[in-house]
Amino acid sequence: MRSLGEERHVLISIAELITYIALAAAQGRRWKDKLVVYVGENTNVVGWLNTRRSGNRYVRHLLRVPPPPSRHPIHLPATSV
Protein backbone atom coordinates (compact mmCIF):
# COMPACT_ATOMS: atom_id res chain seq x y z
CA MET A 1 0.00 0.00 0.00
CA ARG A 2 1.22 3.47 -0.86
CA SER A 3 1.81 6.12 1.75
CA LEU A 4 -0.19 9.34 1.75
CA GLY A 5 2.85 11.20 0.40
CA GLU A 6 3.19 8.80 -2.53
CA GLU A 7 -0.53 9.06 -3.29
CA ARG A 8 -0.33 12.86 -3.21
CA HIS A 9 2.59 12.78 -5.66
CA VAL A 10 0.59 10.60 -8.08
CA LEU A 11 -2.44 12.88 -7.79
CA ILE A 12 -0.30 15.90 -8.62
CA SER A 13 1.09 14.05 -11.64
CA ILE A 14 -2.41 13.15 -12.84
CA ALA A 15 -3.51 16.78 -12.46
CA GLU A 16 -0.53 17.89 -14.58
CA LEU A 17 -1.41 15.29 -17.22
CA ILE A 18 -5.02 16.50 -17.33
CA THR A 19 -3.75 20.06 -17.80
CA TYR A 20 -1.59 18.95 -20.72
CA ILE A 21 -4.48 17.04 -22.34
CA ALA A 22 -6.79 20.07 -21.96
CA LEU A 23 -4.19 22.36 -23.54
CA ALA A 24 -3.65 19.92 -26.42
CA ALA A 25 -7.40 19.73 -26.98
CA ALA A 26 -7.70 23.52 -27.04
CA GLN A 27 -4.68 24.08 -29.30
CA GLY A 28 -4.96 21.08 -31.63
CA ARG A 29 -5.71 23.05 -34.78
CA ARG A 30 -3.02 25.65 -34.09
CA TRP A 31 -0.48 22.89 -33.45
CA LYS A 32 -1.17 21.12 -36.76
CA ASP A 33 2.08 20.24 -38.57
CA LYS A 34 4.11 21.72 -35.70
CA LEU A 35 6.65 20.25 -33.33
CA VAL A 36 5.25 20.92 -29.84
CA VAL A 37 7.45 19.86 -26.92
CA TYR A 38 6.08 19.32 -23.42
CA VAL A 39 8.75 20.40 -20.95
CA GLY A 40 8.03 19.69 -17.31
CA GLU A 41 9.75 18.80 -14.09
CA ASN A 42 7.36 15.93 -13.32
CA THR A 43 9.13 12.79 -14.51
CA ASN A 44 5.92 10.75 -14.14
CA VAL A 45 4.13 12.90 -16.72
CA VAL A 46 7.11 12.95 -19.06
CA GLY A 47 7.38 9.16 -18.88
CA TRP A 48 3.65 8.65 -19.40
CA LEU A 49 3.60 10.93 -22.44
CA ASN A 50 6.67 9.40 -24.05
CA THR A 51 5.73 5.76 -23.51
CA ARG A 52 1.92 6.14 -23.50
CA ARG A 53 1.94 3.59 -20.64
CA SER A 54 1.32 3.65 -16.89
CA GLY A 55 0.64 1.30 -14.01
CA ASN A 56 -2.11 3.64 -12.80
CA ARG A 57 -5.55 2.84 -14.21
CA TYR A 58 -6.66 6.48 -14.30
CA VAL A 59 -3.58 7.53 -16.22
CA ARG A 60 -4.03 4.61 -18.64
CA HIS A 61 -7.55 5.86 -19.31
CA LEU A 62 -6.35 9.43 -19.92
CA LEU A 63 -3.66 8.18 -22.29
CA ARG A 64 -6.28 6.23 -24.26
CA VAL A 65 -8.39 9.32 -24.88
CA PRO A 66 -7.73 10.13 -28.53
CA PRO A 67 -5.66 13.30 -28.36
CA PRO A 68 -6.24 16.12 -30.82
CA PRO A 69 -3.09 15.12 -32.71
CA SER A 70 -5.04 12.16 -34.07
CA ARG A 71 -7.28 14.71 -35.79
CA HIS A 72 -4.47 17.19 -36.50
CA PRO A 73 -1.10 15.52 -37.16
CA ILE A 74 1.51 17.03 -34.85
CA HIS A 75 4.54 15.70 -32.96
CA LEU A 76 4.40 15.90 -29.16
CA PRO A 77 7.62 14.71 -27.50
CA ALA A 78 8.10 15.32 -23.78
CA THR A 79 11.22 16.10 -21.77
CA SER A 80 12.00 17.01 -18.18
CA VAL A 81 13.98 19.96 -16.90
PDB file of N, CA and C in Angstrom:
ATOM      1  N   MET A   1       0.833  -1.175   0.000  1.00  0.00           N
ATOM      2  CA  MET A   1       0.000   0.000   0.000  1.00  0.00           C
ATOM      3  C   MET A   1       0.881   1.243   0.000  1.00  0.00           C
ATOM      4  N   ARG A   2       0.460   2.228  -0.760  1.00  0.00           N
ATOM      5  CA  ARG A   2       1.223   3.469  -0.861  1.00  0.00           C
ATOM      6  C   ARG A   2       0.966   4.371   0.336  1.00  0.00           C
ATOM      7  N   SER A   3       1.975   5.152   0.665  1.00  0.00           N
ATOM      8  CA  SER A   3       1.814   6.120   1.746  1.00  0.00           C
ATOM      9  C   SER A   3       1.026   7.317   1.225  1.00  0.00           C
ATOM     10  N   LEU A   4       0.555   8.143   2.131  1.00  0.00           N
ATOM     11  CA  LEU A   4      -0.188   9.345   1.754  1.00  0.00           C
ATOM     12  C   LEU A   4       0.668  10.263   0.889  1.00  0.00           C
ATOM     13  N   GLY A   5       1.948  10.366   1.191  1.00  0.00           N
ATOM     14  CA  GLY A   5       2.853  11.204   0.399  1.00  0.00           C
ATOM     15  C   GLY A   5       2.996  10.702  -1.031  1.00  0.00           C
ATOM     16  N   GLU A   6       3.093   9.370  -1.177  1.00  0.00           N
ATOM     17  CA  GLU A   6       3.187   8.797  -2.527  1.00  0.00           C
ATOM     18  C   GLU A   6       1.894   9.018  -3.304  1.00  0.00           C
ATOM     19  N   GLU A   7       0.762   8.845  -2.639  1.00  0.00           N
ATOM     20  CA  GLU A   7      -0.532   9.059  -3.288  1.00  0.00           C
ATOM     21  C   GLU A   7      -0.679  10.519  -3.725  1.00  0.00           C
ATOM     22  N   ARG A   8      -0.252  11.435  -2.890  1.00  0.00           N
ATOM     23  CA  ARG A   8      -0.335  12.858  -3.210  1.00  0.00           C
ATOM     24  C   ARG A   8       0.521  13.176  -4.440  1.00  0.00           C
ATOM     25  N   HIS A   9       1.700  12.567  -4.519  1.00  0.00           N
ATOM     26  CA  HIS A   9       2.590  12.779  -5.665  1.00  0.00           C
ATOM     27  C   HIS A   9       1.926  12.288  -6.958  1.00  0.00           C
ATOM     28  N   VAL A  10       1.272  11.133  -6.904  1.00  0.00           N
ATOM     29  CA  VAL A  10       0.589  10.597  -8.084  1.00  0.00           C
ATOM     30  C   VAL A  10      -0.585  11.495  -8.469  1.00  0.00           C
ATOM     31  N   LEU A  11      -1.323  11.988  -7.498  1.00  0.00           N
ATOM     32  CA  LEU A  11      -2.444  12.881  -7.791  1.00  0.00           C
ATOM     33  C   LEU A  11      -1.969  14.173  -8.460  1.00  0.00           C
ATOM     34  N   ILE A  12      -0.864  14.704  -7.997  1.00  0.00           N
ATOM     35  CA  ILE A  12      -0.297  15.902  -8.616  1.00  0.00           C
ATOM     36  C   ILE A  12       0.102  15.597 -10.062  1.00  0.00           C
ATOM     37  N   SER A  13       0.694  14.441 -10.282  1.00  0.00           N
ATOM     38  CA  SER A  13       1.087  14.046 -11.639  1.00  0.00           C
ATOM     39  C   SER A  13      -0.124  13.912 -12.545  1.00  0.00           C
ATOM     40  N   ILE A  14      -1.190  13.308 -12.046  1.00  0.00           N
ATOM     41  CA  ILE A  14      -2.413  13.152 -12.836  1.00  0.00           C
ATOM     42  C   ILE A  14      -3.003  14.521 -13.162  1.00  0.00           C
ATOM     43  N   ALA A  15      -2.993  15.436 -12.208  1.00  0.00           N
ATOM     44  CA  ALA A  15      -3.508  16.784 -12.459  1.00  0.00           C
ATOM     45  C   ALA A  15      -2.690  17.475 -13.548  1.00  0.00           C
ATOM     46  N   GLU A  16      -1.374  17.307 -13.537  1.00  0.00           N
ATOM     47  CA  GLU A  16      -0.534  17.895 -14.582  1.00  0.00           C
ATOM     48  C   GLU A  16      -0.829  17.267 -15.938  1.00  0.00           C
ATOM     49  N   LEU A  17      -1.074  15.959 -15.964  1.00  0.00           N
ATOM     50  CA  LEU A  17      -1.408  15.286 -17.219  1.00  0.00           C
ATOM     51  C   LEU A  17      -2.739  15.795 -17.766  1.00  0.00           C
ATOM     52  N   ILE A  18      -3.723  15.973 -16.896  1.00  0.00           N
ATOM     53  CA  ILE A  18      -5.024  16.502 -17.326  1.00  0.00           C
ATOM     54  C   ILE A  18      -4.849  17.904 -17.917  1.00  0.00           C
ATOM     55  N   THR A  19      -4.014  18.717 -17.296  1.00  0.00           N
ATOM     56  CA  THR A  19      -3.753  20.064 -17.802  1.00  0.00           C
ATOM     57  C   THR A  19      -3.157  20.004 -19.203  1.00  0.00           C
ATOM     58  N   TYR A  20      -2.207  19.107 -19.404  1.00  0.00           N
ATOM     59  CA  TYR A  20      -1.594  18.954 -20.722  1.00  0.00           C
ATOM     60  C   TYR A  20      -2.634  18.509 -21.754  1.00  0.00           C
ATOM     61  N   ILE A  21      -3.467  17.544 -21.409  1.00  0.00           N
ATOM     62  CA  ILE A  21      -4.485  17.043 -22.338  1.00  0.00           C
ATOM     63  C   ILE A  21      -5.477  18.152 -22.684  1.00  0.00           C
ATOM     64  N   ALA A  22      -5.869  18.951 -21.699  1.00  0.00           N
ATOM     65  CA  ALA A  22      -6.789  20.065 -21.962  1.00  0.00           C
ATOM     66  C   ALA A  22      -6.150  21.098 -22.889  1.00  0.00           C
ATOM     67  N   LEU A  23      -4.887  21.404 -22.676  1.00  0.00           N
ATOM     68  CA  LEU A  23      -4.189  22.357 -23.540  1.00  0.00           C
ATOM     69  C   LEU A  23      -4.082  21.809 -24.960  1.00  0.00           C
ATOM     70  N   ALA A  24      -3.746  20.539 -25.095  1.00  0.00           N
ATOM     71  CA  ALA A  24      -3.648  19.924 -26.424  1.00  0.00           C
ATOM     72  C   ALA A  24      -5.001  19.936 -27.126  1.00  0.00           C
ATOM     73  N   ALA A  25      -6.061  19.704 -26.391  1.00  0.00           N
ATOM     74  CA  ALA A  25      -7.402  19.730 -26.979  1.00  0.00           C
ATOM     75  C   ALA A  25      -7.750  21.137 -27.462  1.00  0.00           C
ATOM     76  N   ALA A  26      -7.380  22.132 -26.684  1.00  0.00           N
ATOM     77  CA  ALA A  26      -7.702  23.517 -27.037  1.00  0.00           C
ATOM     78  C   ALA A  26      -6.849  24.035 -28.197  1.00  0.00           C
ATOM     79  N   GLN A  27      -5.622  23.551 -28.304  1.00  0.00           N
ATOM     80  CA  GLN A  27      -4.680  24.084 -29.296  1.00  0.00           C
ATOM     81  C   GLN A  27      -4.485  23.187 -30.509  1.00  0.00           C
ATOM     82  N   GLY A  28      -5.186  22.071 -30.577  1.00  0.00           N
ATOM     83  CA  GLY A  28      -4.963  21.076 -31.628  1.00  0.00           C
ATOM     84  C   GLY A  28      -4.843  21.636 -33.028  1.00  0.00           C
ATOM     85  N   ARG A  29      -5.751  22.492 -33.427  1.00  0.00           N
ATOM     86  CA  ARG A  29      -5.706  23.055 -34.783  1.00  0.00           C
ATOM     87  C   ARG A  29      -4.495  23.968 -34.982  1.00  0.00           C
ATOM     88  N   ARG A  30      -4.178  24.742 -33.979  1.00  0.00           N
ATOM     89  CA  ARG A  30      -3.019  25.645 -34.087  1.00  0.00           C
ATOM     90  C   ARG A  30      -1.701  24.871 -34.130  1.00  0.00           C
ATOM     91  N   TRP A  31      -1.697  23.682 -33.519  1.00  0.00           N
ATOM     92  CA  TRP A  31      -0.484  22.888 -33.449  1.00  0.00           C
ATOM     93  C   TRP A  31      -0.305  21.984 -34.665  1.00  0.00           C
ATOM     94  N   LYS A  32      -1.252  21.992 -35.590  1.00  0.00           N
ATOM     95  CA  LYS A  32      -1.175  21.119 -36.762  1.00  0.00           C
ATOM     96  C   LYS A  32       0.137  21.343 -37.505  1.00  0.00           C
ATOM     97  N   ASP A  33       0.806  20.229 -37.845  1.00  0.00           N
ATOM     98  CA  ASP A  33       2.077  20.244 -38.572  1.00  0.00           C
ATOM     99  C   ASP A  33       3.184  20.993 -37.833  1.00  0.00           C
ATOM    100  N   LYS A  34       3.096  21.051 -36.517  1.00  0.00           N
ATOM    101  CA  LYS A  34       4.108  21.721 -35.701  1.00  0.00           C
ATOM    102  C   LYS A  34       4.779  20.697 -34.780  1.00  0.00           C
ATOM    103  N   LEU A  35       5.968  21.024 -34.357  1.00  0.00           N
ATOM    104  CA  LEU A  35       6.651  20.253 -33.330  1.00  0.00           C
ATOM    105  C   LEU A  35       6.390  20.960 -32.010  1.00  0.00           C
ATOM    106  N   VAL A  36       5.601  20.341 -31.137  1.00  0.00           N
ATOM    107  CA  VAL A  36       5.250  20.919 -29.838  1.00  0.00           C
ATOM    108  C   VAL A  36       5.892  20.045 -28.772  1.00  0.00           C
ATOM    109  N   VAL A  37       6.732  20.622 -27.934  1.00  0.00           N
ATOM    110  CA  VAL A  37       7.454  19.862 -26.918  1.00  0.00           C
ATOM    111  C   VAL A  37       6.887  20.178 -25.547  1.00  0.00           C
ATOM    112  N   TYR A  38       6.501  19.140 -24.809  1.00  0.00           N
ATOM    113  CA  TYR A  38       6.081  19.316 -23.421  1.00  0.00           C
ATOM    114  C   TYR A  38       7.345  19.286 -22.574  1.00  0.00           C
ATOM    115  N   VAL A  39       7.603  20.345 -21.850  1.00  0.00           N
ATOM    116  CA  VAL A  39       8.749  20.403 -20.947  1.00  0.00           C
ATOM    117  C   VAL A  39       8.209  20.575 -19.540  1.00  0.00           C
ATOM    118  N   GLY A  40       8.520  19.627 -18.685  1.00  0.00           N
ATOM    119  CA  GLY A  40       8.034  19.695 -17.313  1.00  0.00           C
ATOM    120  C   GLY A  40       9.024  19.073 -16.354  1.00  0.00           C
ATOM    121  N   GLU A  41       8.845  19.367 -15.089  1.00  0.00           N
ATOM    122  CA  GLU A  41       9.747  18.795 -14.085  1.00  0.00           C
ATOM    123  C   GLU A  41       9.207  17.496 -13.513  1.00  0.00           C
ATOM    124  N   ASN A  42       7.979  17.135 -13.864  1.00  0.00           N
ATOM    125  CA  ASN A  42       7.364  15.930 -13.324  1.00  0.00           C
ATOM    126  C   ASN A  42       7.732  14.737 -14.202  1.00  0.00           C
ATOM    127  N   THR A  43       8.644  13.916 -13.706  1.00  0.00           N
ATOM    128  CA  THR A  43       9.126  12.787 -14.507  1.00  0.00           C
ATOM    129  C   THR A  43       8.036  11.747 -14.759  1.00  0.00           C
ATOM    130  N   ASN A  44       7.044  11.668 -13.879  1.00  0.00           N
ATOM    131  CA  ASN A  44       5.923  10.755 -14.142  1.00  0.00           C
ATOM    132  C   ASN A  44       5.211  11.149 -15.421  1.00  0.00           C
ATOM    133  N   VAL A  45       4.862  12.418 -15.545  1.00  0.00           N
ATOM    134  CA  VAL A  45       4.125  12.899 -16.716  1.00  0.00           C
ATOM    135  C   VAL A  45       4.967  12.728 -17.975  1.00  0.00           C
ATOM    136  N   VAL A  46       6.232  13.087 -17.905  1.00  0.00           N
ATOM    137  CA  VAL A  46       7.112  12.948 -19.062  1.00  0.00           C
ATOM    138  C   VAL A  46       7.169  11.482 -19.503  1.00  0.00           C
ATOM    139  N   GLY A  47       7.337  10.585 -18.553  1.00  0.00           N
ATOM    140  CA  GLY A  47       7.377   9.155 -18.877  1.00  0.00           C
ATOM    141  C   GLY A  47       6.076   8.660 -19.476  1.00  0.00           C
ATOM    142  N   TRP A  48       4.957   9.068 -18.885  1.00  0.00           N
ATOM    143  CA  TRP A  48       3.649   8.646 -19.404  1.00  0.00           C
ATOM    144  C   TRP A  48       3.447   9.135 -20.832  1.00  0.00           C
ATOM    145  N   LEU A  49       3.800  10.379 -21.104  1.00  0.00           N
ATOM    146  CA  LEU A  49       3.596  10.933 -22.443  1.00  0.00           C
ATOM    147  C   LEU A  49       4.503  10.283 -23.476  1.00  0.00           C
ATOM    148  N   ASN A  50       5.734   9.989 -23.094  1.00  0.00           N
ATOM    149  CA  ASN A  50       6.670   9.397 -24.051  1.00  0.00           C
ATOM    150  C   ASN A  50       6.384   7.932 -24.328  1.00  0.00           C
ATOM    151  N   THR A  51       5.964   7.191 -23.309  1.00  0.00           N
ATOM    152  CA  THR A  51       5.732   5.756 -23.509  1.00  0.00           C
ATOM    153  C   THR A  51       4.269   5.431 -23.774  1.00  0.00           C
ATOM    154  N   ARG A  52       3.374   6.367 -23.413  1.00  0.00           N
ATOM    155  CA  ARG A  52       1.920   6.144 -23.500  1.00  0.00           C
ATOM    156  C   ARG A  52       1.503   4.948 -22.650  1.00  0.00           C
ATOM    157  N   ARG A  53       2.232   4.703 -21.546  1.00  0.00           N
ATOM    158  CA  ARG A  53       1.939   3.585 -20.643  1.00  0.00           C
ATOM    159  C   ARG A  53       2.032   4.055 -19.195  1.00  0.00           C
ATOM    160  N   SER A  54       1.269   3.359 -18.323  1.00  0.00           N
ATOM    161  CA  SER A  54       1.317   3.652 -16.888  1.00  0.00           C
ATOM    162  C   SER A  54       0.750   2.468 -16.120  1.00  0.00           C
ATOM    163  N   GLY A  55       1.200   2.312 -14.888  1.00  0.00           N
ATOM    164  CA  GLY A  55       0.639   1.299 -14.011  1.00  0.00           C
ATOM    165  C   GLY A  55      -0.633   1.782 -13.319  1.00  0.00           C
ATOM    166  N   ASN A  56      -0.926   3.047 -13.432  1.00  0.00           N
ATOM    167  CA  ASN A  56      -2.109   3.639 -12.798  1.00  0.00           C
ATOM    168  C   ASN A  56      -3.290   3.586 -13.766  1.00  0.00           C
ATOM    169  N   ARG A  57      -4.404   3.029 -13.303  1.00  0.00           N
ATOM    170  CA  ARG A  57      -5.545   2.836 -14.213  1.00  0.00           C
ATOM    171  C   ARG A  57      -6.150   4.155 -14.687  1.00  0.00           C
ATOM    172  N   TYR A  58      -6.113   5.184 -13.881  1.00  0.00           N
ATOM    173  CA  TYR A  58      -6.663   6.478 -14.298  1.00  0.00           C
ATOM    174  C   TYR A  58      -5.790   7.114 -15.381  1.00  0.00           C
ATOM    175  N   VAL A  59      -4.502   6.992 -15.221  1.00  0.00           N
ATOM    176  CA  VAL A  59      -3.578   7.527 -16.216  1.00  0.00           C
ATOM    177  C   VAL A  59      -3.723   6.736 -17.521  1.00  0.00           C
ATOM    178  N   ARG A  60      -3.837   5.420 -17.425  1.00  0.00           N
ATOM    179  CA  ARG A  60      -4.032   4.614 -18.638  1.00  0.00           C
ATOM    180  C   ARG A  60      -5.268   5.082 -19.391  1.00  0.00           C
ATOM    181  N   HIS A  61      -6.332   5.375 -18.665  1.00  0.00           N
ATOM    182  CA  HIS A  61      -7.548   5.861 -19.314  1.00  0.00           C
ATOM    183  C   HIS A  61      -7.297   7.206 -20.004  1.00  0.00           C
ATOM    184  N   LEU A  62      -6.639   8.124 -19.317  1.00  0.00           N
ATOM    185  CA  LEU A  62      -6.349   9.431 -19.916  1.00  0.00           C
ATOM    186  C   LEU A  62      -5.470   9.301 -21.164  1.00  0.00           C
ATOM    187  N   LEU A  63      -4.538   8.367 -21.132  1.00  0.00           N
ATOM    188  CA  LEU A  63      -3.658   8.177 -22.285  1.00  0.00           C
ATOM    189  C   LEU A  63      -4.386   7.527 -23.454  1.00  0.00           C
ATOM    190  N   ARG A  64      -5.501   6.851 -23.192  1.00  0.00           N
ATOM    191  CA  ARG A  64      -6.284   6.233 -24.259  1.00  0.00           C
ATOM    192  C   ARG A  64      -7.205   7.223 -24.953  1.00  0.00           C
ATOM    193  N   VAL A  65      -7.520   8.317 -24.278  1.00  0.00           N
ATOM    194  CA  VAL A  65      -8.393   9.321 -24.881  1.00  0.00           C
ATOM    195  C   VAL A  65      -7.713   9.801 -26.158  1.00  0.00           C
ATOM    196  N   PRO A  66      -8.404   9.703 -27.290  1.00  0.00           N
ATOM    197  CA  PRO A  66      -7.728  10.131 -28.527  1.00  0.00           C
ATOM    198  C   PRO A  66      -7.362  11.614 -28.451  1.00  0.00           C
ATOM    199  N   PRO A  67      -6.075  11.899 -28.446  1.00  0.00           N
ATOM    200  CA  PRO A  67      -5.663  13.302 -28.358  1.00  0.00           C
ATOM    201  C   PRO A  67      -5.939  14.035 -29.659  1.00  0.00           C
ATOM    202  N   PRO A  68      -6.030  15.339 -29.607  1.00  0.00           N
ATOM    203  CA  PRO A  68      -6.239  16.122 -30.816  1.00  0.00           C
ATOM    204  C   PRO A  68      -5.250  15.821 -31.928  1.00  0.00           C
ATOM    205  N   PRO A  69      -3.994  15.422 -31.604  1.00  0.00           N
ATOM    206  CA  PRO A  69      -3.088  15.124 -32.705  1.00  0.00           C
ATOM    207  C   PRO A  69      -3.623  14.048 -33.661  1.00  0.00           C
ATOM    208  N   SER A  70      -4.506  13.178 -33.175  1.00  0.00           N
ATOM    209  CA  SER A  70      -5.043  12.158 -34.070  1.00  0.00           C
ATOM    210  C   SER A  70      -5.917  12.813 -35.137  1.00  0.00           C
ATOM    211  N   ARG A  71      -6.482  13.968 -34.822  1.00  0.00           N
ATOM    212  CA  ARG A  71      -7.282  14.715 -35.791  1.00  0.00           C
ATOM    213  C   ARG A  71      -6.423  15.719 -36.552  1.00  0.00           C
ATOM    214  N   HIS A  72      -5.368  16.182 -35.911  1.00  0.00           N
ATOM    215  CA  HIS A  72      -4.473  17.190 -36.505  1.00  0.00           C
ATOM    216  C   HIS A  72      -3.042  16.671 -36.306  1.00  0.00           C
ATOM    217  N   PRO A  73      -2.418  16.131 -37.348  1.00  0.00           N
ATOM    218  CA  PRO A  73      -1.097  15.524 -37.164  1.00  0.00           C
ATOM    219  C   PRO A  73      -0.040  16.507 -36.636  1.00  0.00           C
ATOM    220  N   ILE A  74       0.427  16.247 -35.440  1.00  0.00           N
ATOM    221  CA  ILE A  74       1.512  17.032 -34.852  1.00  0.00           C
ATOM    222  C   ILE A  74       2.412  16.068 -34.076  1.00  0.00           C
ATOM    223  N   HIS A  75       3.602  16.507 -33.732  1.00  0.00           N
ATOM    224  CA  HIS A  75       4.537  15.701 -32.958  1.00  0.00           C
ATOM    225  C   HIS A  75       4.600  16.278 -31.550  1.00  0.00           C
ATOM    226  N   LEU A  76       4.437  15.417 -30.533  1.00  0.00           N
ATOM    227  CA  LEU A  76       4.395  15.897 -29.157  1.00  0.00           C
ATOM    228  C   LEU A  76       5.370  15.139 -28.257  1.00  0.00           C
ATOM    229  N   PRO A  77       6.679  15.345 -28.414  1.00  0.00           N
ATOM    230  CA  PRO A  77       7.620  14.714 -27.497  1.00  0.00           C
ATOM    231  C   PRO A  77       7.582  15.422 -26.141  1.00  0.00           C
ATOM    232  N   ALA A  78       8.063  14.740 -25.126  1.00  0.00           N
ATOM    233  CA  ALA A  78       8.102  15.318 -23.777  1.00  0.00           C
ATOM    234  C   ALA A  78       9.511  15.194 -23.222  1.00  0.00           C
ATOM    235  N   THR A  79       9.903  16.153 -22.417  1.00  0.00           N
ATOM    236  CA  THR A  79      11.217  16.100 -21.770  1.00  0.00           C
ATOM    237  C   THR A  79      11.104  16.760 -20.400  1.00  0.00           C
ATOM    238  N   SER A  80      12.012  16.400 -19.513  1.00  0.00           N
ATOM    239  CA  SER A  80      11.997  17.010 -18.180  1.00  0.00           C
ATOM    240  C   SER A  80      13.126  18.019 -18.067  1.00  0.00           C
ATOM    241  N   VAL A  81      12.968  18.922 -17.110  1.00  0.00           N
ATOM    242  CA  VAL A  81      13.983  19.957 -16.902  1.00  0.00           C
ATOM    243  C   VAL A  81      14.871  19.583 -15.751  1.00  0.00           C
TER     244      VAL A  81
END
